[in-house]
Amino acid sequence: MAFDIVATTSSEWIEILRVAILVIMALVYALYDVFNKRDIPDVLAYLSVGIGVVFTLTLGFPTIIYSALIAIVIGAASYLLYKGGQLGLGDGFEFVAISLMMPIQGVPLLLQTTQFSLPFMLSVFVSTGITTIVLVPLYYIFRMKEKLPKKVGVNQIVKAATLVVAYAVLFLFVTLAFGFRPVVLGMLSVIAAASAAMVIYEDSIMRMMVERVYPKQLDDGDIIAIEMMSKADLEFFRGKSKDFGKLATEKLIGKLSRIKRRIPVYKNAVPLAFPTLIGVVAALLFGNLLLYVI
């Protein structure tokens, strides 16, 4: 599967349409995630998967099976992460839709490098992960502005220094194995700096992510910050409902709706669909970034 700018056949036009709709779909998810309080409409989730199925059916038979298997694995993993309170359900639908739209990583638009027919979603996950690592500390530190902590604990400094050393060792290993590559140095430097900043300001960032609300103010799919709850609060809420955990469901909200005790919830977390949009664009332009490391 190759991405050509100039189309001369019907199959090439289909590929151009595939890329265009994929980017538009990722953009729509990002806009809803950012401006609709991370609430993805059901119609968008189902429609995107349906469009993904249609585009999968335009591929050859072996690729259709390959695409279906990738989508099933991603869907199952996303659902388990959703039930564990680690991922929004809308994000899972988006991942499945993307994998169906583009099951195999094609030749990147900007860098014509071999991608070894790896899953496109692998490239998206890599780029999305890097974007998230860099974006999260920048986003919250910018919002803190003058409210940055005046003192940084020794533990945070040690953890940050350990991370930087670990990335330096990784760069040394890659350099010895594959030779010096400026792109690897730049990539790891940015990730190391962002990771260190995340560790240093971890407490402040976590407090900005979390909002304490009454149970009746919970929304279906909210992620509860149980790690920020006291032991007494955890025992109290688990006594009210054995289903109490990281994921807020309609059933749980109904059971707790009359309780006048606040719960910490990740109401202000960075919407994942925005880094995913960047991940999709990066995968289309550059392919799998890990391949530039090796």
C-alpha atoms as a PDB file:
ATOM      1  CA  MET A   1       0.000   0.000   0.000  1.00  0.00           C
ATOM      2  CA  ALA A   2       1.663   3.236  -1.119  1.00  0.00           C
ATOM      3  CA  PHE A   3       0.627   6.852  -0.699  1.00  0.00           C
ATOM      4  CA  ASP A   4       0.977   8.637  -4.048  1.00  0.00           C
ATOM      5  CA  ILE A   5       0.299  12.339  -4.465  1.00  0.00           C
ATOM      6  CA  VAL A   6      -0.712  12.030  -8.139  1.00  0.00           C
ATOM      7  CA  ALA A   7      -3.398   9.474  -8.871  1.00  0.00           C
ATOM      8  CA  THR A   8      -3.740   7.877 -12.275  1.00  0.00           C
ATOM      9  CA  THR A   9      -5.916   4.830 -11.534  1.00  0.00           C
ATOM     10  CA  SER A  10      -9.096   4.161  -9.595  1.00  0.00           C
ATOM     11  CA  SER A  11      -7.159   2.247  -6.921  1.00  0.00           C
ATOM     12  CA  GLU A  12      -4.871   5.247  -6.404  1.00  0.00           C
ATOM     13  CA  TRP A  13      -7.872   7.529  -6.051  1.00  0.00           C
ATOM     14  CA  ILE A  14      -9.242   5.166  -3.412  1.00  0.00           C
ATOM     15  CA  GLU A  15      -5.967   5.418  -1.501  1.00  0.00           C
ATOM     16  CA  ILE A  16      -6.059   9.218  -1.640  1.00  0.00           C
ATOM     17  CA  LEU A  17      -9.666   9.151  -0.435  1.00  0.00           C
ATOM     18  CA  ARG A  18      -8.675   6.711   2.317  1.00  0.00           C
ATOM     19  CA  VAL A  19      -5.952   9.048   3.603  1.00  0.00           C
ATOM     20  CA  ALA A  20      -8.157  12.152   3.363  1.00  0.00           C
ATOM     21  CA  ILE A  21     -11.083  10.583   5.238  1.00  0.00           C
ATOM     22  CA  LEU A  22      -8.719   9.094   7.822  1.00  0.00           C
ATOM     23  CA  VAL A  23      -7.277  12.532   8.645  1.00  0.00           C
ATOM     24  CA  ILE A  24     -10.725  14.156   8.681  1.00  0.00           C
ATOM     25  CA  MET A  25     -12.042  11.423  10.976  1.00  0.00           C
ATOM     26  CA  ALA A  26      -9.132  11.833  13.402  1.00  0.00           C
ATOM     27  CA  LEU A  27      -9.664  15.619  13.327  1.00  0.00           C
ATOM     28  CA  VAL A  28     -13.386  15.283  14.124  1.00  0.00           C
ATOM     29  CA  TYR A  29     -12.593  12.964  17.054  1.00  0.00           C
ATOM     30  CA  ALA A  30     -10.055  15.495  18.328  1.00  0.00           C
ATOM     31  CA  LEU A  31     -12.475  18.413  18.060  1.00  0.00           C
ATOM     32  CA  TYR A  32     -15.196  16.567  19.954  1.00  0.00           C
ATOM     33  CA  ASP A  33     -12.686  15.405  22.570  1.00  0.00           C
ATOM     34  CA  VAL A  34     -11.360  18.923  23.145  1.00  0.00           C
ATOM     35  CA  PHE A  35     -14.521  21.017  22.850  1.00  0.00           C
ATOM     36  CA  ASN A  36     -17.191  18.546  23.989  1.00  0.00           C
ATOM     37  CA  LYS A  37     -15.678  17.677  27.382  1.00  0.00           C
ATOM     38  CA  ARG A  38     -14.131  14.442  26.059  1.00  0.00           C
ATOM     39  CA  ASP A  39     -17.604  13.151  25.145  1.00  0.00           C
ATOM     40  CA  ILE A  40     -17.592  11.325  21.803  1.00  0.00           C
ATOM     41  CA  PRO A  41     -21.112  10.973  20.301  1.00  0.00           C
ATOM     42  CA  ASP A  42     -22.233   7.393  19.741  1.00  0.00           C
ATOM     43  CA  VAL A  43     -23.130   8.171  16.121  1.00  0.00           C
ATOM     44  CA  LEU A  44     -19.538   9.264  15.409  1.00  0.00           C
ATOM     45  CA  ALA A  45     -18.103   6.145  17.036  1.00  0.00           C
ATOM     46  CA  TYR A  46     -20.342   3.747  15.092  1.00  0.00           C
ATOM     47  CA  LEU A  47     -20.120   5.688  11.821  1.00  0.00           C
ATOM     48  CA  SER A  48     -16.304   5.783  11.915  1.00  0.00           C
ATOM     49  CA  VAL A  49     -16.094   2.021  12.429  1.00  0.00           C
ATOM     50  CA  GLY A  50     -18.595   1.491   9.618  1.00  0.00           C
ATOM     51  CA  ILE A  51     -16.517   3.652   7.276  1.00  0.00           C
ATOM     52  CA  GLY A  52     -13.448   1.689   8.331  1.00  0.00           C
ATOM     53  CA  VAL A  53     -15.156  -1.585   7.417  1.00  0.00           C
ATOM     54  CA  VAL A  54     -16.091  -0.212   3.971  1.00  0.00           C
ATOM     55  CA  PHE A  55     -12.492   0.771   3.239  1.00  0.00           C
ATOM     56  CA  THR A  56     -11.188  -2.558   4.521  1.00  0.00           C
ATOM     57  CA  LEU A  57     -13.444  -4.301   2.002  1.00  0.00           C
ATOM     58  CA  THR A  58     -11.719  -2.419  -0.834  1.00  0.00           C
ATOM     59  CA  LEU A  59      -8.515  -4.336  -0.085  1.00  0.00           C
ATOM     60  CA  GLY A  60      -7.504  -7.790  -1.300  1.00  0.00           C
ATOM     61  CA  PHE A  61      -8.787 -10.881   0.510  1.00  0.00           C
ATOM     62  CA  PRO A  62      -5.627 -11.665   2.557  1.00  0.00           C
ATOM     63  CA  THR A  63      -5.432  -8.026   3.673  1.00  0.00           C
ATOM     64  CA  ILE A  64      -9.112  -8.029   4.661  1.00  0.00           C
ATOM     65  CA  ILE A  65      -8.473 -10.932   7.043  1.00  0.00           C
ATOM     66  CA  TYR A  66      -5.322  -9.233   8.345  1.00  0.00           C
ATOM     67  CA  SER A  67      -7.239  -5.994   8.903  1.00  0.00           C
ATOM     68  CA  ALA A  68     -10.064  -7.777  10.717  1.00  0.00           C
ATOM     69  CA  LEU A  69      -7.626  -9.561  13.033  1.00  0.00           C
ATOM     70  CA  ILE A  70      -5.833  -6.309  13.898  1.00  0.00           C
ATOM     71  CA  ALA A  71      -9.152  -4.573  14.583  1.00  0.00           C
ATOM     72  CA  ILE A  72     -10.320  -7.436  16.817  1.00  0.00           C
ATOM     73  CA  VAL A  73      -7.089  -7.369  18.849  1.00  0.00           C
ATOM     74  CA  ILE A  74      -7.174  -3.568  19.196  1.00  0.00           C
ATOM     75  CA  GLY A  75     -10.873  -3.616  20.051  1.00  0.00           C
ATOM     76  CA  ALA A  76     -10.438  -6.298  22.704  1.00  0.00           C
ATOM     77  CA  ALA A  77      -7.424  -4.555  24.248  1.00  0.00           C
ATOM     78  CA  SER A  78      -9.217  -1.193  24.224  1.00  0.00           C
ATOM     79  CA  TYR A  79     -12.282  -2.680  25.905  1.00  0.00           C
ATOM     80  CA  LEU A  80     -10.177  -4.245  28.655  1.00  0.00           C
ATOM     81  CA  LEU A  81      -8.395  -0.916  29.211  1.00  0.00           C
ATOM     82  CA  TYR A  82     -11.781   0.829  29.256  1.00  0.00           C
ATOM     83  CA  LYS A  83     -13.184  -1.573  31.859  1.00  0.00           C
ATOM     84  CA  GLY A  84     -10.027  -1.030  33.889  1.00  0.00           C
ATOM     85  CA  GLY A  85     -10.508   2.739  33.783  1.00  0.00           C
ATOM     86  CA  GLN A  86      -7.379   3.329  31.692  1.00  0.00           C
ATOM     87  CA  LEU A  87      -8.979   4.415  28.401  1.00  0.00           C
ATOM     88  CA  GLY A  88     -12.110   6.153  27.221  1.00  0.00           C
ATOM     89  CA  LEU A  89     -14.580   4.060  25.234  1.00  0.00           C
ATOM     90  CA  GLY A  90     -14.575   6.662  22.456  1.00  0.00           C
ATOM     91  CA  ASP A  91     -10.799   6.323  22.143  1.00  0.00           C
ATOM     92  CA  GLY A  92     -11.205   2.583  21.692  1.00  0.00           C
ATOM     93  CA  PHE A  93     -13.722   3.098  18.880  1.00  0.00           C
ATOM     94  CA  GLU A  94     -11.333   5.544  17.205  1.00  0.00           C
ATOM     95  CA  PHE A  95      -8.435   3.078  17.377  1.00  0.00           C
ATOM     96  CA  VAL A  96     -10.562   0.338  15.804  1.00  0.00           C
ATOM     97  CA  ALA A  97     -11.782   2.686  13.074  1.00  0.00           C
ATOM     98  CA  ILE A  98      -8.227   3.805  12.243  1.00  0.00           C
ATOM     99  CA  SER A  99      -6.978   0.214  12.070  1.00  0.00           C
ATOM    100  CA  LEU A 100      -9.800  -0.692   9.683  1.00  0.00           C
ATOM    101  CA  MET A 101      -9.226   2.388   7.527  1.00  0.00           C
ATOM    102  CA  MET A 102      -5.475   1.777   7.257  1.00  0.00           C
ATOM    103  CA  PRO A 103      -4.473  -1.734   8.382  1.00  0.00           C
ATOM    104  CA  ILE A 104      -0.938  -1.666   6.930  1.00  0.00           C
ATOM    105  CA  GLN A 105       1.653   1.084   7.155  1.00  0.00           C
ATOM    106  CA  GLY A 106       2.301   2.306   3.628  1.00  0.00           C
ATOM    107  CA  VAL A 107       5.310   4.176   2.298  1.00  0.00           C
ATOM    108  CA  PRO A 108       5.350   7.543   4.126  1.00  0.00           C
ATOM    109  CA  LEU A 109       4.445  10.652   2.180  1.00  0.00           C
ATOM    110  CA  LEU A 110       7.579  12.605   3.077  1.00  0.00           C
ATOM    111  CA  LEU A 111      10.235   9.966   3.706  1.00  0.00           C
ATOM    112  CA  GLN A 112      10.188   7.136   1.185  1.00  0.00           C
ATOM    113  CA  THR A 113      11.431   4.455   3.585  1.00  0.00           C
ATOM    114  CA  THR A 114      10.534   0.771   3.785  1.00  0.00           C
ATOM    115  CA  GLN A 115       8.007   0.024   6.536  1.00  0.00           C
ATOM    116  CA  PHE A 116       8.079  -3.794   6.327  1.00  0.00           C
ATOM    117  CA  SER A 117       4.263  -4.015   6.119  1.00  0.00           C
ATOM    118  CA  LEU A 118       3.917  -3.310   9.844  1.00  0.00           C
ATOM    119  CA  PRO A 119       0.446  -2.448  11.194  1.00  0.00           C
ATOM    120  CA  PHE A 120      -0.380   1.212  10.683  1.00  0.00           C
ATOM    121  CA  MET A 121      -1.741   1.421  14.233  1.00  0.00           C
ATOM    122  CA  LEU A 122       1.695   0.498  15.576  1.00  0.00           C
ATOM    123  CA  SER A 123       3.078   3.636  13.925  1.00  0.00           C
ATOM    124  CA  VAL A 124       0.161   5.663  15.298  1.00  0.00           C
ATOM    125  CA  PHE A 125       0.677   4.330  18.830  1.00  0.00           C
ATOM    126  CA  VAL A 126       4.394   5.178  18.737  1.00  0.00           C
ATOM    127  CA  SER A 127       3.814   8.731  17.498  1.00  0.00           C
ATOM    128  CA  THR A 128       0.854   9.239  19.843  1.00  0.00           C
ATOM    129  CA  GLY A 129       2.897   8.041  22.806  1.00  0.00           C
ATOM    130  CA  ILE A 130       5.754  10.416  22.030  1.00  0.00           C
ATOM    131  CA  THR A 131       3.312  13.286  21.515  1.00  0.00           C
ATOM    132  CA  THR A 132       1.591  12.565  24.825  1.00  0.00           C
ATOM    133  CA  ILE A 133       4.874  12.397  26.721  1.00  0.00           C
ATOM    134  CA  VAL A 134       5.857  15.820  25.355  1.00  0.00           C
ATOM    135  CA  LEU A 135       2.423  17.458  25.364  1.00  0.00           C
ATOM    136  CA  VAL A 136       1.233  16.634  28.891  1.00  0.00           C
ATOM    137  CA  PRO A 137       3.977  18.430  30.886  1.00  0.00           C
ATOM    138  CA  LEU A 138       4.006  21.378  28.461  1.00  0.00           C
ATOM    139  CA  TYR A 139       0.221  21.767  28.693  1.00  0.00           C
ATOM    140  CA  TYR A 140       0.031  21.739  32.476  1.00  0.00           C
ATOM    141  CA  ILE A 141       3.229  23.675  33.170  1.00  0.00           C
ATOM    142  CA  PHE A 142       1.970  26.412  30.840  1.00  0.00           C
ATOM    143  CA  ARG A 143      -1.316  26.494  32.761  1.00  0.00           C
ATOM    144  CA  MET A 144       0.542  26.724  36.083  1.00  0.00           C
ATOM    145  CA  LYS A 145       2.537  29.785  34.991  1.00  0.00           C
ATOM    146  CA  GLU A 146       3.483  31.690  38.175  1.00  0.00           C
ATOM    147  CA  LYS A 147       1.982  28.920  40.310  1.00  0.00           C
ATOM    148  CA  LEU A 148       4.910  26.592  39.695  1.00  0.00           C
ATOM    149  CA  PRO A 149       6.123  24.958  42.926  1.00  0.00           C
ATOM    150  CA  LYS A 150       8.898  27.014  44.527  1.00  0.00           C
ATOM    151  CA  LYS A 151      10.573  23.922  45.911  1.00  0.00           C
ATOM    152  CA  VAL A 152      11.203  20.585  44.263  1.00  0.00           C
ATOM    153  CA  GLY A 153      11.675  17.522  46.425  1.00  0.00           C
ATOM    154  CA  VAL A 154      14.863  15.493  46.396  1.00  0.00           C
ATOM    155  CA  ASN A 155      12.932  12.380  45.344  1.00  0.00           C
ATOM    156  CA  GLN A 156      11.603  14.132  42.230  1.00  0.00           C
ATOM    157  CA  ILE A 157      15.092  15.336  41.297  1.00  0.00           C
ATOM    158  CA  VAL A 158      16.542  11.850  41.736  1.00  0.00           C
ATOM    159  CA  LYS A 159      13.755  10.277  39.660  1.00  0.00           C
ATOM    160  CA  ALA A 160      14.166  12.874  36.904  1.00  0.00           C
ATOM    161  CA  ALA A 161      17.951  12.429  36.849  1.00  0.00           C
ATOM    162  CA  THR A 162      17.523   8.650  36.696  1.00  0.00           C
ATOM    163  CA  LEU A 163      15.235   8.991  33.688  1.00  0.00           C
ATOM    164  CA  VAL A 164      17.693  11.254  31.879  1.00  0.00           C
ATOM    165  CA  VAL A 165      20.545   8.811  32.561  1.00  0.00           C
ATOM    166  CA  ALA A 166      18.390   5.918  31.313  1.00  0.00           C
ATOM    167  CA  TYR A 167      17.684   7.727  28.031  1.00  0.00           C
ATOM    168  CA  ALA A 168      21.397   8.580  27.713  1.00  0.00           C
ATOM    169  CA  VAL A 169      22.285   4.902  28.126  1.00  0.00           C
ATOM    170  CA  LEU A 170      19.663   3.989  25.513  1.00  0.00           C
ATOM    171  CA  PHE A 171      21.154   6.514  23.085  1.00  0.00           C
ATOM    172  CA  LEU A 172      24.647   5.124  23.729  1.00  0.00           C
ATOM    173  CA  PHE A 173      23.411   1.579  23.067  1.00  0.00           C
ATOM    174  CA  VAL A 174      21.674   2.599  19.822  1.00  0.00           C
ATOM    175  CA  THR A 175      24.766   4.546  18.696  1.00  0.00           C
ATOM    176  CA  LEU A 176      27.079   1.601  19.355  1.00  0.00           C
ATOM    177  CA  ALA A 177      24.734  -0.799  17.577  1.00  0.00           C
ATOM    178  CA  PHE A 178      23.666   1.307  14.568  1.00  0.00           C
ATOM    179  CA  GLY A 179      25.970   4.334  14.507  1.00  0.00           C
ATOM    180  CA  PHE A 180      25.358   7.972  15.403  1.00  0.00           C
ATOM    181  CA  ARG A 181      22.038   9.329  14.149  1.00  0.00           C
ATOM    182  CA  PRO A 182      21.108  12.976  14.809  1.00  0.00           C
ATOM    183  CA  VAL A 183      17.362  12.184  14.555  1.00  0.00           C
ATOM    184  CA  VAL A 184      17.703   9.650  17.371  1.00  0.00           C
ATOM    185  CA  LEU A 185      19.592  12.149  19.522  1.00  0.00           C
ATOM    186  CA  GLY A 186      16.935  14.790  18.937  1.00  0.00           C
ATOM    187  CA  MET A 187      14.030  12.426  19.560  1.00  0.00           C
ATOM    188  CA  LEU A 188      15.431  10.958  22.776  1.00  0.00           C
ATOM    189  CA  SER A 189      16.505  14.395  24.059  1.00  0.00           C
ATOM    190  CA  VAL A 190      12.995  15.772  23.690  1.00  0.00           C
ATOM    191  CA  ILE A 191      11.425  12.703  25.304  1.00  0.00           C
ATOM    192  CA  ALA A 192      13.964  12.748  28.162  1.00  0.00           C
ATOM    193  CA  ALA A 193      13.378  16.453  28.873  1.00  0.00           C
ATOM    194  CA  ALA A 194       9.587  16.050  28.822  1.00  0.00           C
ATOM    195  CA  SER A 195       9.705  12.927  31.011  1.00  0.00           C
ATOM    196  CA  ALA A 196      11.949  14.678  33.541  1.00  0.00           C
ATOM    197  CA  ALA A 197       9.594  17.684  33.665  1.00  0.00           C
ATOM    198  CA  MET A 198       6.631  15.347  34.168  1.00  0.00           C
ATOM    199  CA  VAL A 199       8.346  13.706  37.137  1.00  0.00           C
ATOM    200  CA  ILE A 200       9.458  16.988  38.706  1.00  0.00           C
ATOM    201  CA  TYR A 201       5.983  18.533  38.569  1.00  0.00           C
ATOM    202  CA  GLU A 202       4.047  15.279  38.923  1.00  0.00           C
ATOM    203  CA  ASP A 203       2.138  16.263  42.087  1.00  0.00           C
ATOM    204  CA  SER A 204       1.059  19.642  40.691  1.00  0.00           C
ATOM    205  CA  ILE A 205       0.074  18.119  37.341  1.00  0.00           C
ATOM    206  CA  MET A 206      -1.984  15.402  39.010  1.00  0.00           C
ATOM    207  CA  ARG A 207      -3.841  17.981  41.104  1.00  0.00           C
ATOM    208  CA  MET A 208      -4.655  19.960  37.965  1.00  0.00           C
ATOM    209  CA  MET A 209      -5.956  16.862  36.192  1.00  0.00           C
ATOM    210  CA  VAL A 210      -8.314  15.964  39.025  1.00  0.00           C
ATOM    211  CA  GLU A 211     -11.563  17.619  40.033  1.00  0.00           C
ATOM    212  CA  ARG A 212     -13.452  16.555  43.154  1.00  0.00           C
ATOM    213  CA  VAL A 213     -17.161  16.094  42.442  1.00  0.00           C
ATOM    214  CA  TYR A 214     -20.197  14.576  44.094  1.00  0.00           C
ATOM    215  CA  PRO A 215     -21.243  11.169  42.726  1.00  0.00           C
ATOM    216  CA  LYS A 216     -24.327  12.670  41.034  1.00  0.00           C
ATOM    217  CA  GLN A 217     -21.970  14.897  39.018  1.00  0.00           C
ATOM    218  CA  LEU A 218     -20.144  11.914  37.531  1.00  0.00           C
ATOM    219  CA  ASP A 219     -20.549  11.135  33.853  1.00  0.00           C
ATOM    220  CA  ASP A 220     -20.693   7.649  32.398  1.00  0.00           C
ATOM    221  CA  GLY A 221     -17.135   6.739  31.420  1.00  0.00           C
ATOM    222  CA  ASP A 222     -15.395   9.112  33.847  1.00  0.00           C
ATOM    223  CA  ILE A 223     -12.128   7.803  35.282  1.00  0.00           C
ATOM    224  CA  ILE A 224     -11.954   7.984  39.072  1.00  0.00           C
ATOM    225  CA  ALA A 225      -8.571   8.816  40.629  1.00  0.00           C
ATOM    226  CA  ILE A 226      -8.760   6.106  43.276  1.00  0.00           C
ATOM    227  CA  GLU A 227      -4.997   6.401  43.843  1.00  0.00           C
ATOM    228  CA  MET A 228      -5.647   9.892  45.224  1.00  0.00           C
ATOM    229  CA  MET A 229      -8.340   8.735  47.640  1.00  0.00           C
ATOM    230  CA  SER A 230      -7.723   8.049  51.312  1.00  0.00           C
ATOM    231  CA  LYS A 231      -8.063   4.528  52.609  1.00  0.00           C
ATOM    232  CA  ALA A 232     -11.132   5.578  54.589  1.00  0.00           C
ATOM    233  CA  ASP A 233     -12.842   7.023  51.479  1.00  0.00           C
ATOM    234  CA  LEU A 234     -12.064   3.915  49.449  1.00  0.00           C
ATOM    235  CA  GLU A 235     -13.520   1.646  52.134  1.00  0.00           C
ATOM    236  CA  PHE A 236     -16.574   3.894  52.411  1.00  0.00           C
ATOM    237  CA  PHE A 237     -17.407   3.869  48.695  1.00  0.00           C
ATOM    238  CA  ARG A 238     -16.591   0.190  48.268  1.00  0.00           C
ATOM    239  CA  GLY A 239     -18.949  -0.462  51.139  1.00  0.00           C
ATOM    240  CA  LYS A 240     -21.671   1.360  49.210  1.00  0.00           C
ATOM    241  CA  SER A 241     -20.976  -0.507  45.976  1.00  0.00           C
ATOM    242  CA  LYS A 242     -18.795  -3.530  45.319  1.00  0.00           C
ATOM    243  CA  ASP A 243     -18.409  -2.240  41.731  1.00  0.00           C
ATOM    244  CA  PHE A 244     -16.584   0.904  42.864  1.00  0.00           C
ATOM    245  CA  GLY A 245     -13.322   1.260  40.945  1.00  0.00           C
ATOM    246  CA  LYS A 246     -11.587   3.463  38.403  1.00  0.00           C
ATOM    247  CA  LEU A 247     -14.456   3.426  35.897  1.00  0.00           C
ATOM    248  CA  ALA A 248     -17.680   5.343  36.551  1.00  0.00           C
ATOM    249  CA  THR A 249     -20.622   3.515  34.985  1.00  0.00           C
ATOM    250  CA  GLU A 250     -24.313   4.415  34.896  1.00  0.00           C
ATOM    251  CA  LYS A 251     -24.976   1.592  37.354  1.00  0.00           C
ATOM    252  CA  LEU A 252     -22.346   2.864  39.787  1.00  0.00           C
ATOM    253  CA  ILE A 253     -23.514   6.479  39.480  1.00  0.00           C
ATOM    254  CA  GLY A 254     -27.071   5.389  40.234  1.00  0.00           C
ATOM    255  CA  LYS A 255     -25.990   3.593  43.411  1.00  0.00           C
ATOM    256  CA  LEU A 256     -23.911   6.528  44.682  1.00  0.00           C
ATOM    257  CA  SER A 257     -26.017   9.456  43.451  1.00  0.00           C
ATOM    258  CA  ARG A 258     -27.384  10.408  46.890  1.00  0.00           C
ATOM    259  CA  ILE A 259     -24.034  10.342  48.686  1.00  0.00           C
ATOM    260  CA  LYS A 260     -22.713  13.753  49.769  1.00  0.00           C
ATOM    261  CA  ARG A 261     -19.024  12.898  49.719  1.00  0.00           C
ATOM    262  CA  ARG A 262     -16.773  14.100  46.906  1.00  0.00           C
ATOM    263  CA  ILE A 263     -14.785  11.819  44.620  1.00  0.00           C
ATOM    264  CA  PRO A 264     -11.564  12.769  42.751  1.00  0.00           C
ATOM    265  CA  VAL A 265     -12.118  12.385  39.000  1.00  0.00           C
ATOM    266  CA  TYR A 266      -9.850  13.008  36.000  1.00  0.00           C
ATOM    267  CA  LYS A 267     -12.058  15.740  34.587  1.00  0.00           C
ATOM    268  CA  ASN A 268      -9.178  17.888  33.303  1.00  0.00           C
ATOM    269  CA  ALA A 269      -6.958  15.278  31.666  1.00  0.00           C
ATOM    270  CA  VAL A 270      -5.474  16.020  28.237  1.00  0.00           C
ATOM    271  CA  PRO A 271      -7.894  14.620  25.601  1.00  0.00           C
ATOM    272  CA  LEU A 272      -6.249  11.574  24.020  1.00  0.00           C
ATOM    273  CA  ALA A 273      -7.854  12.176  20.618  1.00  0.00           C
ATOM    274  CA  PHE A 274      -5.662  15.248  20.051  1.00  0.00           C
ATOM    275  CA  PRO A 275      -2.339  13.351  20.425  1.00  0.00           C
ATOM    276  CA  THR A 276      -3.924  10.592  18.325  1.00  0.00           C
ATOM    277  CA  LEU A 277      -4.580  13.101  15.534  1.00  0.00           C
ATOM    278  CA  ILE A 278      -0.914  14.105  15.628  1.00  0.00           C
ATOM    279  CA  GLY A 279       0.030  10.412  15.714  1.00  0.00           C
ATOM    280  CA  VAL A 280      -2.034   9.680  12.594  1.00  0.00           C
ATOM    281  CA  VAL A 281      -0.526  12.601  10.664  1.00  0.00           C
ATOM    282  CA  ALA A 282       3.006  11.690  11.786  1.00  0.00           C
ATOM    283  CA  ALA A 283       2.491   8.057  10.744  1.00  0.00           C
ATOM    284  CA  LEU A 284       1.267   9.136   7.307  1.00  0.00           C
ATOM    285  CA  LEU A 285       4.166  11.549   6.805  1.00  0.00           C
ATOM    286  CA  PHE A 286       7.066   9.673   8.421  1.00  0.00           C
ATOM    287  CA  GLY A 287       5.920   6.091   9.053  1.00  0.00           C
ATOM    288  CA  ASN A 288       6.963   4.195  12.165  1.00  0.00           C
ATOM    289  CA  LEU A 289       9.372   6.425  14.104  1.00  0.00           C
ATOM    290  CA  LEU A 290      10.961   3.423  15.796  1.00  0.00           C
ATOM    291  CA  LEU A 291      12.419   2.358  12.455  1.00  0.00           C
ATOM    292  CA  TYR A 292      14.543   5.513  12.434  1.00  0.00           C
ATOM    293  CA  VAL A 293      16.089   4.396  15.711  1.00  0.00           C
ATOM    294  CA  ILE A 294      17.215   1.024  14.353  1.00  0.00           C
END
